[in-house]
Amino acid sequence: MNLGLLSPEIFLALGATFVLLGETIWPRLSRAWIAVSVFLLVVTAGLVLKAPAGAVGGMIVMDGMSRFLKIVSIFGVILTLGLSLESRDLNERWIPWGTYAALLLLSTVGLMLLVSSDDLLMLVISLELVTITSFVLTGFMKSDRRAGEAAIKYFLVGAFSTGLMIYGISLYYGIFGTTSLAALRAADMAVVARVPLAASVFFLLAGFGFKVAIVPFHMWVPDVYEGAPLPITAFISVAPKAAAFGALLRALPDLNAVGVSSAVALLSVLTMTVGNVGALKQTNVKRFLGYSSIAQMGYVLMGVVAGGNSGRSSVLLYVLVYLFMNMGAFAGAILVVNESGSEDLSAFSGLARRSFPLALTVAVFFISLTGIPPLAGFVGKFSLFAAVLEHGWIWLAAAGAVNSVISLYYYFSVVRRMFFEEGKGSEKFPVSYSLAGCLAVPLLVTLWAGIFPSGFLAWVRSAIP
């Protein structure tokens, strides 16, 4: 057993333990634990990039796709830590920063194991590590009633989805006599019992559906997003979902082979439609971004339906660009909420008069989420649409196009507020170094990937096994 392949996860787990114990020894370090955690993540990224391809005990694999998604997850956590430093939710009261950072690091370990899992039991274990740390982080502000309510809802939904997934795994074991995903890839579908296999796949999809907020398993998103601190809302909206989609691609690389592609295509349409329609009437910025994320997951599911190398590469590309677009949007939201003291979308009104560069930056992220060129969101959506059209899913592409048009309304409603409505304040927006970085890096990636996408496309294609 080559445990050297797990050196990134082992190093980060030990680092999280050091941060957690170190806080009890040096409690006065306070926010310095964030800097320590960022350093640990950067070193881990280097270990991931240097790790050779291989497998560990037939349950964990290191290949191009897992390496790609581990780097994406690490980027997501680094940006989350940067957002945390200046979030009003976290800075209005004393919090144990070491514990907070350690939980994010342990969640990252779970994400890294999740994208490398080649066995359903390892997949459940790593998914639960992500879920448990995420629900603790959701309710981290113990004195906030909304945070406690959100944590309970997240916990109950997570427990239910895990039960569904484990039942699907039991069916899978009954069919193949093993929980290894290699058995499904090597199986002759002509002799496999199709009804039990389809049932197993549906229960597995239900479990994944709760994690990535696919309709009808999305009901937890608005309440959890509203109750959690904004940086944790940002984290939940991207990193766990990107990793879960990577695990889904590894577990079910070809939905058509097991006969469920049409049903998943319908779920894709329902997810993007419910998300877009739900976002139209939102006034709270957290719930607004929550419904937006539901719709975005519907688009990503199009690539899963398409399958093949084009489908997988489109999913990886979109989760990469979505990470930066969405994190940038959340960074802008944190600035507005900090300054106005309100989570209402009306707080964005007149933003251009107070800080034109900030308003322009936030507008770029929302326009990119819509899928308008020449930004990263357009490149990501184009790859998804190209993948489904290549495999003959014309009606699915048409539904995605209609939903993209619907999303224009609510994304541009925020842009209209910023540039064409009068705001309450007139003073300039103060921007800290950490938030400036969390805006600048996503903005650079969003513009660069949209104008010069060839490098990103080459990286994604090289990640496909």
Foldseek 3Di string as FASTA:
>chain_A
DPCLLVVLLVQLLVLLVCLQVVCVVCVVCALVLLVSLLVSLVVSLVSLVPRDWDADPLFFTRFLQLSLLLVLLSVLLNLLSLLLVQFPVDPVDDARNSNLSSLSSQLSSLLSQCLGTQFLVSNLVSLVSNQVSLLCQQLRVVVQPLSVVLSVLSVVLLVVLSVLLVVLQVLVCVQQVGRGLVSVVPDDLVPGDLVSNVSSVVSNVSSLCLQQQFPPNNVSQLSSLVRGGLSSSLSSLASSNLSSVSSVCSNPQAPVSSPCLVVLLVSLLVQLVQLLVQLVPDFFQSSNVSSLSSNLVSLLSLLSSLGDLLSQLLNSLSSSLLSLLSLLLSLLQSLLCVVPVGRTLLSLAQQCQQPVVSLVLNLLSLVLSLQDPLWSSVVSSVSSLVSNVVSPNPVSSVSNVVSSVSSCVSSVVSSCRNPPGDHDDRHHGDDDPSSVVSSVVSSVNGNCCSPPVPVVSVSSSSSDD
